[in-house]
């Protein structure tokens, strides 16, 4: 699967800190996040692809269309930008921002 993509981007999450959060600990531990990234890096290298880790700061807060910061709580699941009108799933908005950061980091 990794050979379909030249670049795979992950947010460089502080998993140790996140596991200390009562709300996030079980989800983070269940998916073995660090192990998932390590395996993906290995598979990507074998396939001639690359894995890029990006700073997660504001990836879910920043509008992927206009760049403005739209504050949200963890319970806010929809990104709704009052500046440009973009509405989409919060995680999809963050994924677009993360991919943009990952591609920018490669030049």
Foldseek 3Di string as FASTA:
>chain_A
DLLVDQEAEDEPDPLVVQLVDPVRNVVSVVVVVVVVVVVSQVVNVVSNHHYYYHHLPQLLQAALPPGDGHDDDPPDQWDADPPPGDIDGSVVSSVSSRVVRRVVVVD
